[in-house]
Structures are given as C-alpha cells and as structure tokens.
Amino acid sequence: MDLVMLYGPPAVGKLTVGRALAARTGLKLFHNHLALDAITAVFDFRSPGYLRLRELFWLETFAEASRADVSLVFTFMPETSLTPGFTDRAGDAVERHGGRLRLVELTCAIDVQEGRLDDPSRAAFAKLRSVEDLRHLRAHGWLDYAMPAAELRLDTGAMSADAAAERIESALRL
C-alpha cells in the first residue's frame, strides 16, 4: 500500500494532479476537502473540535486503507494549524500495516498560483478563491508548516497535470 501525499499551497494543482494520478494508476483519491467539508458541517473551521477531528479522520482513513491494502492519493495543504509531527503520524498509520508514505510537493510561481484562484472548479469545495486572502495568509506565516523533504518536487506551472501525474507515477514506480 502506498499513501501518495500530494501537498503544497493553495492553487498549485493538488486536486487536478491527484485526479490525473488516480486515473493513471487506479489509486483511490482522498481529497482533503472531503473530510474538511464533512467536519465543518458540525464544527467551525479551525475550532478545537474541527482540528481534532480533521487529523483523526485523516489518520484513521490512512490506517484503514493500509490494513485493507488500498493505495491512496491524498491531497492537502500543510498549514500552521496542523500539530507538529503530523507527517510522522501519517507515516506510522500506514507503515504499521506494511504501507509506505510517499511525499510529493507541488509548487508553482506565485503569479501562476494567484491566477488560478478564480477558477470555477475551486468553488465546488469552498476552496480559497481570493488573492487578497492568500496574500494575507502568506504574510502572516499561516502556510509555514515545516514538512519533511519530499521524494519528488514538481513545478505545476511548468507542466500539465497529466505530465505531472506521469512524472509521479514513474518516479515513485506506482
């Protein structure tokens, strides 16, 4: 079982690349907003209950998928409300059942990122759509969660989602 964690800041193409990777490989796509939207139906965004359930939902899904030998593509944005060591706990959740955590960082130039924010597809999951809000998050360090080094780092402004998925599939031998 592989848990391919596609991560990066808003609007770098995590879900788009994740969909392309899932289509190429048959891995299941576990998009971050599936959990977030369910939790915010009950708890306010970033409230203590939200934060506890978000991590629990993610980690239990990873562990259960590993137990069932179901490989996943997981898309998410590291940010400062994550508790320190989240990636270690994610790795533990899959490795204790024989799985592997595979980290893939997606990036792009700020002008490309900001240009993608108003794409209509972002509205489907209540994703960040304001350049002003993104700049505020950046300026106040909200996106500064320290991640361990990725196995692969791709600039999605320099390639299509399909090309990125092909590179990931090849590099990780999925």
N, C-alpha and C. Protein backbone atom coordinates (compact mmCIF):
# COMPACT_ATOMS: atom_id res chain seq x y z
N MET A 1 0.84 -1.17 0.00
CA MET A 1 0.00 0.00 0.00
C MET A 1 0.88 1.23 0.00
N ASP A 2 0.55 2.16 -0.86
CA ASP A 2 1.23 3.45 -0.91
C ASP A 2 0.25 4.55 -0.56
N LEU A 3 0.67 5.46 0.31
CA LEU A 3 -0.05 6.70 0.56
C LEU A 3 0.77 7.79 -0.10
N VAL A 4 0.31 8.24 -1.26
CA VAL A 4 0.99 9.30 -2.00
C VAL A 4 0.39 10.62 -1.56
N MET A 5 1.14 11.37 -0.78
CA MET A 5 0.67 12.62 -0.23
C MET A 5 1.14 13.75 -1.13
N LEU A 6 0.18 14.32 -1.89
CA LEU A 6 0.46 15.48 -2.73
C LEU A 6 0.18 16.72 -1.88
N TYR A 7 1.19 17.52 -1.65
CA TYR A 7 0.98 18.68 -0.80
C TYR A 7 1.58 19.93 -1.43
N GLY A 8 1.08 21.06 -0.96
CA GLY A 8 1.57 22.35 -1.41
C GLY A 8 0.56 23.42 -1.05
N PRO A 9 0.89 24.67 -1.33
CA PRO A 9 0.00 25.77 -1.01
C PRO A 9 -1.25 25.76 -1.90
N PRO A 10 -2.19 26.66 -1.62
CA PRO A 10 -3.41 26.72 -2.44
C PRO A 10 -3.10 26.93 -3.92
N ALA A 11 -3.92 26.34 -4.76
CA ALA A 11 -3.93 26.59 -6.21
C ALA A 11 -2.66 26.18 -6.95
N VAL A 12 -1.96 25.17 -6.43
CA VAL A 12 -0.82 24.63 -7.18
C VAL A 12 -1.22 23.40 -7.99
N GLY A 13 -2.47 22.98 -7.89
CA GLY A 13 -2.96 21.89 -8.72
C GLY A 13 -3.01 20.55 -8.03
N LYS A 14 -3.10 20.54 -6.71
CA LYS A 14 -3.08 19.26 -5.98
C LYS A 14 -4.22 18.34 -6.40
N LEU A 15 -5.44 18.86 -6.42
CA LEU A 15 -6.58 18.02 -6.79
C LEU A 15 -6.53 17.64 -8.27
N THR A 16 -6.16 18.57 -9.12
CA THR A 16 -6.09 18.29 -10.56
C THR A 16 -5.04 17.22 -10.84
N VAL A 17 -3.87 17.35 -10.25
CA VAL A 17 -2.83 16.34 -10.42
C VAL A 17 -3.26 15.04 -9.75
N GLY A 18 -3.87 15.13 -8.58
CA GLY A 18 -4.35 13.93 -7.89
C GLY A 18 -5.34 13.14 -8.73
N ARG A 19 -6.26 13.84 -9.37
CA ARG A 19 -7.23 13.16 -10.26
C ARG A 19 -6.51 12.48 -11.42
N ALA A 20 -5.55 13.18 -12.01
CA ALA A 20 -4.80 12.60 -13.14
C ALA A 20 -3.99 11.39 -12.68
N LEU A 21 -3.39 11.48 -11.50
CA LEU A 21 -2.60 10.36 -10.98
C LEU A 21 -3.50 9.16 -10.67
N ALA A 22 -4.64 9.41 -10.06
CA ALA A 22 -5.58 8.33 -9.76
C ALA A 22 -6.06 7.66 -11.06
N ALA A 23 -6.33 8.45 -12.07
CA ALA A 23 -6.78 7.89 -13.36
C ALA A 23 -5.69 7.04 -14.00
N ARG A 24 -4.43 7.47 -13.90
CA ARG A 24 -3.31 6.73 -14.49
C ARG A 24 -3.01 5.43 -13.75
N THR A 25 -3.15 5.45 -12.43
CA THR A 25 -2.65 4.35 -11.61
C THR A 25 -3.72 3.46 -10.99
N GLY A 26 -4.95 3.96 -10.92
CA GLY A 26 -6.00 3.21 -10.23
C GLY A 26 -5.99 3.42 -8.73
N LEU A 27 -5.06 4.25 -8.21
CA LEU A 27 -5.07 4.57 -6.78
C LEU A 27 -6.33 5.34 -6.45
N LYS A 28 -6.84 5.17 -5.26
CA LYS A 28 -8.02 5.91 -4.80
C LYS A 28 -7.60 7.33 -4.46
N LEU A 29 -8.47 8.29 -4.78
CA LEU A 29 -8.20 9.69 -4.48
C LEU A 29 -8.93 10.10 -3.22
N PHE A 30 -8.19 10.51 -2.21
CA PHE A 30 -8.74 11.01 -0.96
C PHE A 30 -8.40 12.50 -0.90
N HIS A 31 -9.31 13.30 -1.40
CA HIS A 31 -9.11 14.75 -1.45
C HIS A 31 -9.41 15.36 -0.09
N ASN A 32 -8.51 16.15 0.39
CA ASN A 32 -8.58 16.81 1.69
C ASN A 32 -9.95 17.41 1.99
N HIS A 33 -10.56 18.07 1.02
CA HIS A 33 -11.81 18.77 1.29
C HIS A 33 -12.98 17.82 1.55
N LEU A 34 -12.86 16.56 1.20
CA LEU A 34 -13.92 15.61 1.53
C LEU A 34 -14.09 15.54 3.04
N ALA A 35 -12.98 15.48 3.75
CA ALA A 35 -13.03 15.47 5.22
C ALA A 35 -13.37 16.84 5.78
N LEU A 36 -12.74 17.87 5.24
CA LEU A 36 -12.96 19.21 5.77
C LEU A 36 -14.41 19.65 5.65
N ASP A 37 -15.01 19.38 4.50
CA ASP A 37 -16.41 19.78 4.30
C ASP A 37 -17.34 19.03 5.24
N ALA A 38 -17.05 17.76 5.50
CA ALA A 38 -17.87 16.99 6.43
C ALA A 38 -17.74 17.55 7.86
N ILE A 39 -16.54 17.86 8.26
CA ILE A 39 -16.31 18.34 9.63
C ILE A 39 -16.88 19.73 9.84
N THR A 40 -16.74 20.61 8.84
CA THR A 40 -17.26 21.98 9.00
C THR A 40 -18.79 22.03 8.95
N ALA A 41 -19.43 20.93 8.60
CA ALA A 41 -20.89 20.87 8.71
C ALA A 41 -21.30 20.88 10.18
N VAL A 42 -20.38 20.50 11.08
CA VAL A 42 -20.69 20.41 12.50
C VAL A 42 -19.88 21.40 13.33
N PHE A 43 -18.60 21.56 13.00
CA PHE A 43 -17.70 22.40 13.79
C PHE A 43 -17.17 23.56 12.95
N ASP A 44 -16.98 24.70 13.60
CA ASP A 44 -16.42 25.86 12.92
C ASP A 44 -14.99 25.56 12.47
N PHE A 45 -14.63 26.12 11.33
CA PHE A 45 -13.29 26.00 10.77
C PHE A 45 -12.26 26.43 11.81
N ARG A 46 -11.28 25.58 12.02
CA ARG A 46 -10.15 25.78 12.94
C ARG A 46 -10.54 25.79 14.42
N SER A 47 -11.79 25.41 14.74
CA SER A 47 -12.16 25.27 16.15
C SER A 47 -11.45 24.04 16.72
N PRO A 48 -11.36 23.91 18.05
CA PRO A 48 -10.70 22.74 18.62
C PRO A 48 -11.30 21.41 18.13
N GLY A 49 -12.62 21.32 18.07
CA GLY A 49 -13.25 20.09 17.58
C GLY A 49 -12.91 19.80 16.14
N TYR A 50 -12.91 20.82 15.32
CA TYR A 50 -12.53 20.69 13.91
C TYR A 50 -11.11 20.16 13.78
N LEU A 51 -10.18 20.77 14.51
CA LEU A 51 -8.78 20.38 14.41
C LEU A 51 -8.56 18.94 14.86
N ARG A 52 -9.18 18.54 15.95
CA ARG A 52 -9.04 17.15 16.43
C ARG A 52 -9.61 16.16 15.43
N LEU A 53 -10.82 16.44 14.95
CA LEU A 53 -11.46 15.51 14.02
C LEU A 53 -10.77 15.45 12.67
N ARG A 54 -10.25 16.58 12.20
CA ARG A 54 -9.56 16.59 10.91
C ARG A 54 -8.41 15.59 10.93
N GLU A 55 -7.54 15.70 11.92
CA GLU A 55 -6.39 14.80 11.97
C GLU A 55 -6.84 13.35 12.21
N LEU A 56 -7.78 13.16 13.11
CA LEU A 56 -8.29 11.81 13.38
C LEU A 56 -8.89 11.18 12.12
N PHE A 57 -9.68 11.94 11.40
CA PHE A 57 -10.30 11.46 10.16
C PHE A 57 -9.22 11.03 9.17
N TRP A 58 -8.23 11.90 8.97
CA TRP A 58 -7.15 11.58 8.04
C TRP A 58 -6.40 10.33 8.48
N LEU A 59 -5.93 10.31 9.72
CA LEU A 59 -5.08 9.21 10.18
C LEU A 59 -5.83 7.89 10.20
N GLU A 60 -7.06 7.89 10.63
CA GLU A 60 -7.84 6.64 10.64
C GLU A 60 -8.12 6.15 9.22
N THR A 61 -8.34 7.08 8.30
CA THR A 61 -8.53 6.68 6.90
C THR A 61 -7.25 6.06 6.34
N PHE A 62 -6.10 6.67 6.64
CA PHE A 62 -4.82 6.12 6.18
C PHE A 62 -4.60 4.72 6.76
N ALA A 63 -4.83 4.56 8.05
CA ALA A 63 -4.60 3.28 8.70
C ALA A 63 -5.52 2.21 8.14
N GLU A 64 -6.79 2.53 7.98
CA GLU A 64 -7.75 1.55 7.46
C GLU A 64 -7.42 1.17 6.01
N ALA A 65 -7.03 2.16 5.21
CA ALA A 65 -6.64 1.86 3.84
C ALA A 65 -5.41 0.95 3.82
N SER A 66 -4.47 1.21 4.71
CA SER A 66 -3.27 0.37 4.77
C SER A 66 -3.63 -1.05 5.18
N ARG A 67 -4.50 -1.18 6.19
CA ARG A 67 -4.93 -2.52 6.61
C ARG A 67 -5.60 -3.27 5.47
N ALA A 68 -6.34 -2.54 4.63
CA ALA A 68 -7.07 -3.17 3.52
C ALA A 68 -6.23 -3.23 2.24
N ASP A 69 -4.98 -2.77 2.30
CA ASP A 69 -4.07 -2.73 1.15
C ASP A 69 -4.67 -1.92 0.00
N VAL A 70 -5.25 -0.76 0.34
CA VAL A 70 -5.82 0.16 -0.64
C VAL A 70 -4.90 1.37 -0.72
N SER A 71 -4.22 1.53 -1.84
CA SER A 71 -3.33 2.67 -2.02
C SER A 71 -4.13 3.94 -2.29
N LEU A 72 -3.61 5.06 -1.77
CA LEU A 72 -4.30 6.33 -1.85
C LEU A 72 -3.42 7.43 -2.40
N VAL A 73 -4.07 8.38 -3.06
CA VAL A 73 -3.51 9.69 -3.35
C VAL A 73 -4.23 10.63 -2.40
N PHE A 74 -3.49 11.31 -1.53
CA PHE A 74 -4.07 12.25 -0.58
C PHE A 74 -3.57 13.64 -0.91
N THR A 75 -4.49 14.58 -1.07
CA THR A 75 -4.11 15.96 -1.38
C THR A 75 -4.38 16.83 -0.17
N PHE A 76 -3.40 17.64 0.20
CA PHE A 76 -3.64 18.56 1.30
C PHE A 76 -2.64 19.70 1.30
N MET A 77 -2.99 20.73 2.05
CA MET A 77 -2.18 21.92 2.18
C MET A 77 -1.63 22.00 3.60
N PRO A 78 -0.33 21.83 3.78
CA PRO A 78 0.24 21.99 5.11
C PRO A 78 0.08 23.44 5.57
N GLU A 79 -0.39 23.62 6.77
CA GLU A 79 -0.52 24.97 7.33
C GLU A 79 -0.40 24.88 8.84
N THR A 80 -0.25 26.01 9.48
CA THR A 80 0.18 26.05 10.87
C THR A 80 -0.82 25.51 11.89
N SER A 81 -2.05 25.21 11.50
CA SER A 81 -2.97 24.61 12.47
C SER A 81 -2.73 23.10 12.61
N LEU A 82 -1.90 22.52 11.75
CA LEU A 82 -1.53 21.11 11.91
C LEU A 82 -0.64 20.97 13.14
N THR A 83 -0.84 19.89 13.87
CA THR A 83 0.02 19.67 15.02
C THR A 83 1.40 19.20 14.54
N PRO A 84 2.44 19.60 15.26
CA PRO A 84 3.78 19.15 14.88
C PRO A 84 3.83 17.61 14.83
N GLY A 85 4.54 17.10 13.85
CA GLY A 85 4.69 15.65 13.72
C GLY A 85 3.57 14.96 12.96
N PHE A 86 2.68 15.72 12.33
CA PHE A 86 1.57 15.11 11.59
C PHE A 86 2.09 14.10 10.56
N THR A 87 3.11 14.48 9.81
CA THR A 87 3.61 13.59 8.76
C THR A 87 4.18 12.31 9.35
N ASP A 88 4.83 12.41 10.50
CA ASP A 88 5.33 11.20 11.18
C ASP A 88 4.16 10.29 11.57
N ARG A 89 3.09 10.88 12.10
CA ARG A 89 1.93 10.07 12.48
C ARG A 89 1.25 9.45 11.26
N ALA A 90 1.23 10.18 10.15
CA ALA A 90 0.66 9.63 8.92
C ALA A 90 1.51 8.44 8.46
N GLY A 91 2.82 8.61 8.49
CA GLY A 91 3.70 7.50 8.12
C GLY A 91 3.50 6.30 9.02
N ASP A 92 3.42 6.53 10.33
CA ASP A 92 3.18 5.44 11.28
C ASP A 92 1.86 4.73 11.00
N ALA A 93 0.82 5.49 10.66
CA ALA A 93 -0.51 4.92 10.43
C ALA A 93 -0.49 3.91 9.28
N VAL A 94 0.33 4.17 8.26
CA VAL A 94 0.38 3.23 7.14
C VAL A 94 1.49 2.19 7.29
N GLU A 95 2.63 2.59 7.85
CA GLU A 95 3.77 1.68 7.95
C GLU A 95 3.51 0.53 8.92
N ARG A 96 2.73 0.76 9.96
CA ARG A 96 2.48 -0.34 10.92
C ARG A 96 1.66 -1.46 10.29
N HIS A 97 1.08 -1.20 9.12
CA HIS A 97 0.32 -2.23 8.40
C HIS A 97 0.99 -2.57 7.07
N GLY A 98 2.26 -2.22 6.94
CA GLY A 98 3.03 -2.59 5.75
C GLY A 98 3.00 -1.59 4.62
N GLY A 99 2.39 -0.43 4.83
CA GLY A 99 2.32 0.58 3.77
C GLY A 99 3.52 1.51 3.77
N ARG A 100 3.53 2.40 2.77
CA ARG A 100 4.61 3.38 2.64
C ARG A 100 4.02 4.77 2.42
N LEU A 101 4.58 5.75 3.07
CA LEU A 101 4.23 7.15 2.85
C LEU A 101 5.16 7.71 1.79
N ARG A 102 4.58 8.31 0.74
CA ARG A 102 5.34 8.87 -0.37
C ARG A 102 5.00 10.36 -0.46
N LEU A 103 5.95 11.23 -0.21
CA LEU A 103 5.70 12.67 -0.19
C LEU A 103 6.06 13.30 -1.53
N VAL A 104 5.10 14.05 -2.08
CA VAL A 104 5.29 14.75 -3.35
C VAL A 104 4.85 16.20 -3.14
N GLU A 105 5.79 17.12 -3.29
CA GLU A 105 5.47 18.53 -3.13
C GLU A 105 5.18 19.15 -4.50
N LEU A 106 4.06 19.85 -4.57
CA LEU A 106 3.70 20.58 -5.78
C LEU A 106 3.88 22.07 -5.52
N THR A 107 4.48 22.75 -6.47
CA THR A 107 4.74 24.18 -6.37
C THR A 107 4.37 24.84 -7.69
N CYS A 108 4.35 26.14 -7.68
CA CYS A 108 4.30 26.93 -8.92
C CYS A 108 4.61 28.37 -8.55
N ALA A 109 4.90 29.16 -9.53
CA ALA A 109 5.21 30.57 -9.30
C ALA A 109 3.98 31.27 -8.70
N ILE A 110 4.23 32.27 -7.88
CA ILE A 110 3.15 32.98 -7.21
C ILE A 110 2.16 33.58 -8.20
N ASP A 111 2.63 34.13 -9.32
CA ASP A 111 1.69 34.72 -10.28
C ASP A 111 0.80 33.64 -10.90
N VAL A 112 1.33 32.45 -11.12
CA VAL A 112 0.51 31.34 -11.64
C VAL A 112 -0.51 30.92 -10.58
N GLN A 113 -0.04 30.77 -9.37
CA GLN A 113 -0.91 30.39 -8.26
C GLN A 113 -2.06 31.39 -8.11
N GLU A 114 -1.74 32.66 -8.05
CA GLU A 114 -2.77 33.67 -7.88
C GLU A 114 -3.73 33.71 -9.07
N GLY A 115 -3.23 33.46 -10.27
CA GLY A 115 -4.07 33.42 -11.45
C GLY A 115 -5.06 32.26 -11.46
N ARG A 116 -4.76 31.20 -10.73
CA ARG A 116 -5.63 30.03 -10.67
C ARG A 116 -6.75 30.16 -9.64
N LEU A 117 -6.63 31.10 -8.73
CA LEU A 117 -7.58 31.18 -7.62
C LEU A 117 -9.03 31.38 -8.04
N ASP A 118 -9.25 32.07 -9.14
CA ASP A 118 -10.64 32.33 -9.54
C ASP A 118 -11.21 31.26 -10.47
N ASP A 119 -10.50 30.16 -10.66
CA ASP A 119 -11.03 29.08 -11.49
C ASP A 119 -12.33 28.56 -10.87
N PRO A 120 -13.39 28.44 -11.67
CA PRO A 120 -14.68 27.99 -11.14
C PRO A 120 -14.63 26.64 -10.43
N SER A 121 -13.69 25.78 -10.79
CA SER A 121 -13.60 24.46 -10.16
C SER A 121 -13.30 24.58 -8.66
N ARG A 122 -12.70 25.68 -8.24
CA ARG A 122 -12.35 25.86 -6.83
C ARG A 122 -13.57 26.10 -5.95
N ALA A 123 -14.67 26.53 -6.55
CA ALA A 123 -15.89 26.81 -5.77
C ALA A 123 -16.56 25.54 -5.28
N ALA A 124 -16.36 24.44 -5.97
CA ALA A 124 -17.05 23.19 -5.63
C ALA A 124 -16.74 22.71 -4.22
N PHE A 125 -15.55 23.01 -3.72
CA PHE A 125 -15.15 22.55 -2.39
C PHE A 125 -14.86 23.70 -1.43
N ALA A 126 -15.43 24.86 -1.68
CA ALA A 126 -15.22 26.02 -0.81
C ALA A 126 -13.73 26.30 -0.60
N LYS A 127 -12.97 26.17 -1.67
CA LYS A 127 -11.53 26.44 -1.59
C LYS A 127 -11.28 27.94 -1.60
N LEU A 128 -10.10 28.31 -1.15
CA LEU A 128 -9.66 29.69 -1.16
C LEU A 128 -9.74 30.23 -2.59
N ARG A 129 -10.37 31.41 -2.76
CA ARG A 129 -10.52 31.97 -4.10
C ARG A 129 -10.10 33.43 -4.17
N SER A 130 -9.61 33.99 -3.09
CA SER A 130 -9.27 35.41 -3.03
C SER A 130 -7.76 35.61 -3.00
N VAL A 131 -7.26 36.40 -3.95
CA VAL A 131 -5.84 36.73 -3.97
C VAL A 131 -5.48 37.48 -2.69
N GLU A 132 -6.34 38.40 -2.28
CA GLU A 132 -6.08 39.16 -1.05
C GLU A 132 -5.96 38.23 0.16
N ASP A 133 -6.85 37.25 0.27
CA ASP A 133 -6.79 36.31 1.40
C ASP A 133 -5.52 35.47 1.34
N LEU A 134 -5.14 35.03 0.15
CA LEU A 134 -3.92 34.24 0.02
C LEU A 134 -2.70 35.06 0.42
N ARG A 135 -2.66 36.29 -0.01
CA ARG A 135 -1.53 37.16 0.35
C ARG A 135 -1.49 37.39 1.85
N HIS A 136 -2.64 37.52 2.47
CA HIS A 136 -2.72 37.69 3.93
C HIS A 136 -2.18 36.44 4.63
N LEU A 137 -2.59 35.26 4.17
CA LEU A 137 -2.11 34.01 4.77
C LEU A 137 -0.59 33.90 4.65
N ARG A 138 -0.09 34.23 3.48
CA ARG A 138 1.36 34.18 3.26
C ARG A 138 2.08 35.16 4.18
N ALA A 139 1.58 36.39 4.24
CA ALA A 139 2.23 37.45 5.02
C ALA A 139 2.24 37.15 6.52
N HIS A 140 1.25 36.41 6.98
CA HIS A 140 1.15 36.12 8.41
C HIS A 140 1.66 34.72 8.78
N GLY A 141 2.36 34.08 7.83
CA GLY A 141 3.01 32.81 8.13
C GLY A 141 2.10 31.61 8.26
N TRP A 142 0.84 31.72 7.86
CA TRP A 142 -0.12 30.64 8.03
C TRP A 142 0.25 29.41 7.20
N LEU A 143 1.01 29.61 6.13
CA LEU A 143 1.38 28.50 5.24
C LEU A 143 2.77 27.95 5.55
N ASP A 144 3.34 28.32 6.69
CA ASP A 144 4.72 27.99 7.01
C ASP A 144 4.89 26.71 7.83
N TYR A 145 4.06 25.72 7.63
CA TYR A 145 4.22 24.44 8.33
C TYR A 145 5.41 23.71 7.72
N ALA A 146 6.32 23.25 8.55
CA ALA A 146 7.54 22.58 8.06
C ALA A 146 7.23 21.12 7.72
N MET A 147 7.41 20.79 6.48
CA MET A 147 7.24 19.41 6.01
C MET A 147 8.61 18.77 5.84
N PRO A 148 8.69 17.45 6.03
CA PRO A 148 9.95 16.78 5.72
C PRO A 148 10.22 16.84 4.21
N ALA A 149 11.42 16.55 3.83
CA ALA A 149 11.78 16.59 2.41
C ALA A 149 10.93 15.60 1.62
N ALA A 150 10.48 16.05 0.49
CA ALA A 150 9.67 15.21 -0.40
C ALA A 150 10.57 14.32 -1.25
N GLU A 151 10.03 13.19 -1.67
CA GLU A 151 10.74 12.33 -2.63
C GLU A 151 10.82 13.02 -3.99
N LEU A 152 9.81 13.82 -4.27
CA LEU A 152 9.71 14.46 -5.57
C LEU A 152 9.09 15.83 -5.39
N ARG A 153 9.61 16.80 -6.12
CA ARG A 153 9.07 18.17 -6.09
C ARG A 153 8.84 18.59 -7.53
N LEU A 154 7.59 19.01 -7.83
CA LEU A 154 7.24 19.37 -9.20
C LEU A 154 6.67 20.77 -9.28
N ASP A 155 7.05 21.50 -10.31
CA ASP A 155 6.51 22.81 -10.59
C ASP A 155 5.34 22.64 -11.56
N THR A 156 4.13 22.77 -11.06
CA THR A 156 2.94 22.55 -11.88
C THR A 156 2.65 23.72 -12.81
N GLY A 157 3.37 24.80 -12.65
CA GLY A 157 3.24 25.89 -13.61
C GLY A 157 4.02 25.62 -14.88
N ALA A 158 4.92 24.65 -14.81
CA ALA A 158 5.80 24.32 -15.94
C ALA A 158 5.37 23.06 -16.67
N MET A 159 4.27 22.43 -16.22
CA MET A 159 3.83 21.19 -16.88
C MET A 159 2.34 21.00 -16.66
N SER A 160 1.73 20.19 -17.50
CA SER A 160 0.31 19.88 -17.35
C SER A 160 0.10 18.92 -16.19
N ALA A 161 -1.13 18.80 -15.75
CA ALA A 161 -1.45 17.84 -14.69
C ALA A 161 -1.13 16.42 -15.14
N ASP A 162 -1.42 16.11 -16.40
CA ASP A 162 -1.13 14.77 -16.90
C ASP A 162 0.37 14.50 -16.91
N ALA A 163 1.16 15.49 -17.30
CA ALA A 163 2.62 15.32 -17.29
C ALA A 163 3.13 15.16 -15.86
N ALA A 164 2.56 15.93 -14.93
CA ALA A 164 2.96 15.79 -13.52
C ALA A 164 2.62 14.40 -13.01
N ALA A 165 1.41 13.92 -13.33
CA ALA A 165 1.00 12.58 -12.90
C ALA A 165 1.92 11.51 -13.48
N GLU A 166 2.30 11.68 -14.73
CA GLU A 166 3.22 10.72 -15.36
C GLU A 166 4.57 10.72 -14.66
N ARG A 167 5.08 11.90 -14.30
CA ARG A 167 6.36 12.00 -13.60
C ARG A 167 6.28 11.34 -12.22
N ILE A 168 5.15 11.57 -11.52
CA ILE A 168 4.98 10.98 -10.20
C ILE A 168 4.92 9.46 -10.31
N GLU A 169 4.11 8.98 -11.24
CA GLU A 169 3.97 7.53 -11.44
C GLU A 169 5.32 6.89 -11.72
N SER A 170 6.09 7.51 -12.58
CA SER A 170 7.40 6.97 -12.96
C SER A 170 8.39 7.06 -11.80
N ALA A 171 8.49 8.22 -11.17
CA ALA A 171 9.47 8.41 -10.10
C ALA A 171 9.20 7.52 -8.89
N LEU A 172 7.91 7.33 -8.56
CA LEU A 172 7.57 6.53 -7.39
C LEU A 172 7.32 5.06 -7.75
N ARG A 173 7.40 4.75 -9.04
CA ARG A 173 7.18 3.37 -9.53
C ARG A 173 5.83 2.82 -9.05
N LEU A 174 4.79 3.59 -9.33
CA LEU A 174 3.44 3.20 -8.88
C LEU A 174 2.80 2.25 -9.89
